[in-house]
């Protein structure tokens, strides 16, 4: 087999190799996300992401904040009370729901 044939075979296997290498990292991120949710979110937010609990349903949250910059949503997640106190329109609306 010549060098060019070896090159093309290795090139054909590259996507499989990259997928295989990325899978453990993705799995770790999923587990990390589950741990973060359990530790910081689950006491107020329903795990089915559809129904409200003490906190609002998390499913569709990006759509509900679509009229505002993503940074506003991130601020809301980190410190909703400060945004309410500042009078942010969406924060106040969320508080009243």
C-alpha atoms as a PDB file:
ATOM      1  CA  UNK A   1       0.000   0.000   0.000  1.00  0.00           C
ATOM      2  CA  UNK A   2       1.446   3.369  -0.950  1.00  0.00           C
ATOM      3  CA  UNK A   3       1.627   6.421   1.277  1.00  0.00           C
ATOM      4  CA  UNK A   4      -1.240   8.161  -0.515  1.00  0.00           C
ATOM      5  CA  UNK A   5      -3.606   5.230   0.125  1.00  0.00           C
ATOM      6  CA  UNK A   6      -2.631   5.197   3.814  1.00  0.00           C
ATOM      7  CA  UNK A   7      -3.239   8.943   4.000  1.00  0.00           C
ATOM      8  CA  UNK A   8      -6.758   8.647   2.530  1.00  0.00           C
ATOM      9  CA  UNK A   9      -7.662   5.783   4.850  1.00  0.00           C
ATOM     10  CA  UNK A  10      -6.508   7.729   7.888  1.00  0.00           C
ATOM     11  CA  UNK A  11      -8.362  10.784   6.669  1.00  0.00           C
ATOM     12  CA  UNK A  12     -11.544   8.713   6.309  1.00  0.00           C
ATOM     13  CA  UNK A  13     -11.168   7.531   9.925  1.00  0.00           C
ATOM     14  CA  UNK A  14     -10.585  11.025  11.301  1.00  0.00           C
ATOM     15  CA  UNK A  15     -14.277  11.826  12.035  1.00  0.00           C
ATOM     16  CA  UNK A  16     -14.656   8.569  13.945  1.00  0.00           C
ATOM     17  CA  UNK A  17     -11.509   9.270  15.922  1.00  0.00           C
ATOM     18  CA  UNK A  18     -12.616  12.807  16.772  1.00  0.00           C
ATOM     19  CA  UNK A  19     -16.077  11.617  17.813  1.00  0.00           C
ATOM     20  CA  UNK A  20     -14.576   8.930  20.025  1.00  0.00           C
ATOM     21  CA  UNK A  21     -12.251  11.429  21.679  1.00  0.00           C
ATOM     22  CA  UNK A  22     -15.047  13.969  22.255  1.00  0.00           C
ATOM     23  CA  UNK A  23     -17.550  11.530  23.755  1.00  0.00           C
ATOM     24  CA  UNK A  24     -15.891  11.219  27.207  1.00  0.00           C
ATOM     25  CA  UNK A  25     -15.592  14.995  27.500  1.00  0.00           C
ATOM     26  CA  UNK A  26     -19.268  15.434  26.593  1.00  0.00           C
ATOM     27  CA  UNK A  27     -20.252  12.756  29.093  1.00  0.00           C
ATOM     28  CA  UNK A  28     -18.285  14.545  31.803  1.00  0.00           C
ATOM     29  CA  UNK A  29     -20.080  17.801  30.975  1.00  0.00           C
ATOM     30  CA  UNK A  30     -23.474  16.095  31.260  1.00  0.00           C
ATOM     31  CA  UNK A  31     -22.579  14.699  34.667  1.00  0.00           C
ATOM     32  CA  UNK A  32     -21.219  18.060  35.748  1.00  0.00           C
ATOM     33  CA  UNK A  33     -24.447  19.730  34.609  1.00  0.00           C
ATOM     34  CA  UNK A  34     -26.548  17.223  36.551  1.00  0.00           C
ATOM     35  CA  UNK A  35     -24.492  17.862  39.670  1.00  0.00           C
ATOM     36  CA  UNK A  36     -24.803  21.635  39.268  1.00  0.00           C
ATOM     37  CA  UNK A  37     -28.567  21.347  38.799  1.00  0.00           C
ATOM     38  CA  UNK A  38     -28.972  19.129  41.874  1.00  0.00           C
ATOM     39  CA  UNK A  39     -26.795  21.392  44.018  1.00  0.00           C
ATOM     40  CA  UNK A  40     -28.048  24.808  42.953  1.00  0.00           C
ATOM     41  CA  UNK A  41     -31.353  24.547  41.073  1.00  0.00           C
ATOM     42  CA  UNK A  42     -33.378  21.458  41.983  1.00  0.00           C
ATOM     43  CA  UNK A  43     -34.687  22.846  45.261  1.00  0.00           C
ATOM     44  CA  UNK A  44     -36.681  25.483  43.346  1.00  0.00           C
ATOM     45  CA  UNK A  45     -36.966  24.269  39.727  1.00  0.00           C
ATOM     46  CA  UNK A  46     -38.810  21.194  38.507  1.00  0.00           C
ATOM     47  CA  UNK A  47     -36.512  18.643  36.885  1.00  0.00           C
ATOM     48  CA  UNK A  48     -38.990  18.040  34.040  1.00  0.00           C
ATOM     49  CA  UNK A  49     -38.239  21.608  32.852  1.00  0.00           C
ATOM     50  CA  UNK A  50     -41.923  22.112  31.915  1.00  0.00           C
ATOM     51  CA  UNK A  51     -43.758  22.777  35.162  1.00  0.00           C
ATOM     52  CA  UNK A  52     -43.249  25.571  37.640  1.00  0.00           C
ATOM     53  CA  UNK A  53     -42.226  24.735  41.188  1.00  0.00           C
ATOM     54  CA  UNK A  54     -41.097  27.464  43.583  1.00  0.00           C
ATOM     55  CA  UNK A  55     -39.097  28.794  40.635  1.00  0.00           C
ATOM     56  CA  UNK A  56     -40.314  29.009  37.035  1.00  0.00           C
ATOM     57  CA  UNK A  57     -39.991  26.171  34.531  1.00  0.00           C
ATOM     58  CA  UNK A  58     -36.563  26.218  32.925  1.00  0.00           C
ATOM     59  CA  UNK A  59     -37.670  24.860  29.548  1.00  0.00           C
ATOM     60  CA  UNK A  60     -38.004  27.728  27.067  1.00  0.00           C
ATOM     61  CA  UNK A  61     -36.223  30.221  29.282  1.00  0.00           C
ATOM     62  CA  UNK A  62     -34.111  31.554  26.411  1.00  0.00           C
ATOM     63  CA  UNK A  63     -37.245  32.213  24.360  1.00  0.00           C
ATOM     64  CA  UNK A  64     -38.867  34.035  27.286  1.00  0.00           C
ATOM     65  CA  UNK A  65     -35.824  36.326  27.494  1.00  0.00           C
ATOM     66  CA  UNK A  66     -35.380  36.679  23.706  1.00  0.00           C
ATOM     67  CA  UNK A  67     -36.268  40.399  23.723  1.00  0.00           C
ATOM     68  CA  UNK A  68     -33.278  41.132  25.961  1.00  0.00           C
ATOM     69  CA  UNK A  69     -29.538  40.570  25.613  1.00  0.00           C
ATOM     70  CA  UNK A  70     -28.273  37.166  26.823  1.00  0.00           C
ATOM     71  CA  UNK A  71     -26.318  38.957  29.550  1.00  0.00           C
ATOM     72  CA  UNK A  72     -29.614  39.971  31.165  1.00  0.00           C
ATOM     73  CA  UNK A  73     -30.665  36.326  31.450  1.00  0.00           C
ATOM     74  CA  UNK A  74     -27.279  35.433  32.951  1.00  0.00           C
ATOM     75  CA  UNK A  75     -27.642  38.270  35.479  1.00  0.00           C
ATOM     76  CA  UNK A  76     -31.171  37.073  36.288  1.00  0.00           C
ATOM     77  CA  UNK A  77     -29.883  33.575  36.985  1.00  0.00           C
ATOM     78  CA  UNK A  78     -27.113  34.854  39.231  1.00  0.00           C
ATOM     79  CA  UNK A  79     -29.011  37.554  41.115  1.00  0.00           C
ATOM     80  CA  UNK A  80     -32.671  37.977  40.217  1.00  0.00           C
ATOM     81  CA  UNK A  81     -33.442  40.137  43.240  1.00  0.00           C
ATOM     82  CA  UNK A  82     -30.933  42.803  42.194  1.00  0.00           C
ATOM     83  CA  UNK A  83     -32.529  43.032  38.750  1.00  0.00           C
ATOM     84  CA  UNK A  84     -35.995  43.316  40.303  1.00  0.00           C
ATOM     85  CA  UNK A  85     -34.743  46.076  42.592  1.00  0.00           C
ATOM     86  CA  UNK A  86     -33.267  47.877  39.564  1.00  0.00           C
ATOM     87  CA  UNK A  87     -36.672  47.699  37.866  1.00  0.00           C
ATOM     88  CA  UNK A  88     -35.599  45.606  34.882  1.00  0.00           C
ATOM     89  CA  UNK A  89     -38.881  45.094  32.945  1.00  0.00           C
ATOM     90  CA  UNK A  90     -38.540  41.344  32.356  1.00  0.00           C
ATOM     91  CA  UNK A  91     -37.262  40.695  35.890  1.00  0.00           C
ATOM     92  CA  UNK A  92     -40.232  42.527  37.381  1.00  0.00           C
ATOM     93  CA  UNK A  93     -42.605  40.674  35.053  1.00  0.00           C
ATOM     94  CA  UNK A  94     -41.076  37.323  36.051  1.00  0.00           C
ATOM     95  CA  UNK A  95     -41.437  38.194  39.727  1.00  0.00           C
ATOM     96  CA  UNK A  96     -45.122  38.998  39.271  1.00  0.00           C
ATOM     97  CA  UNK A  97     -45.900  35.722  37.452  1.00  0.00           C
END
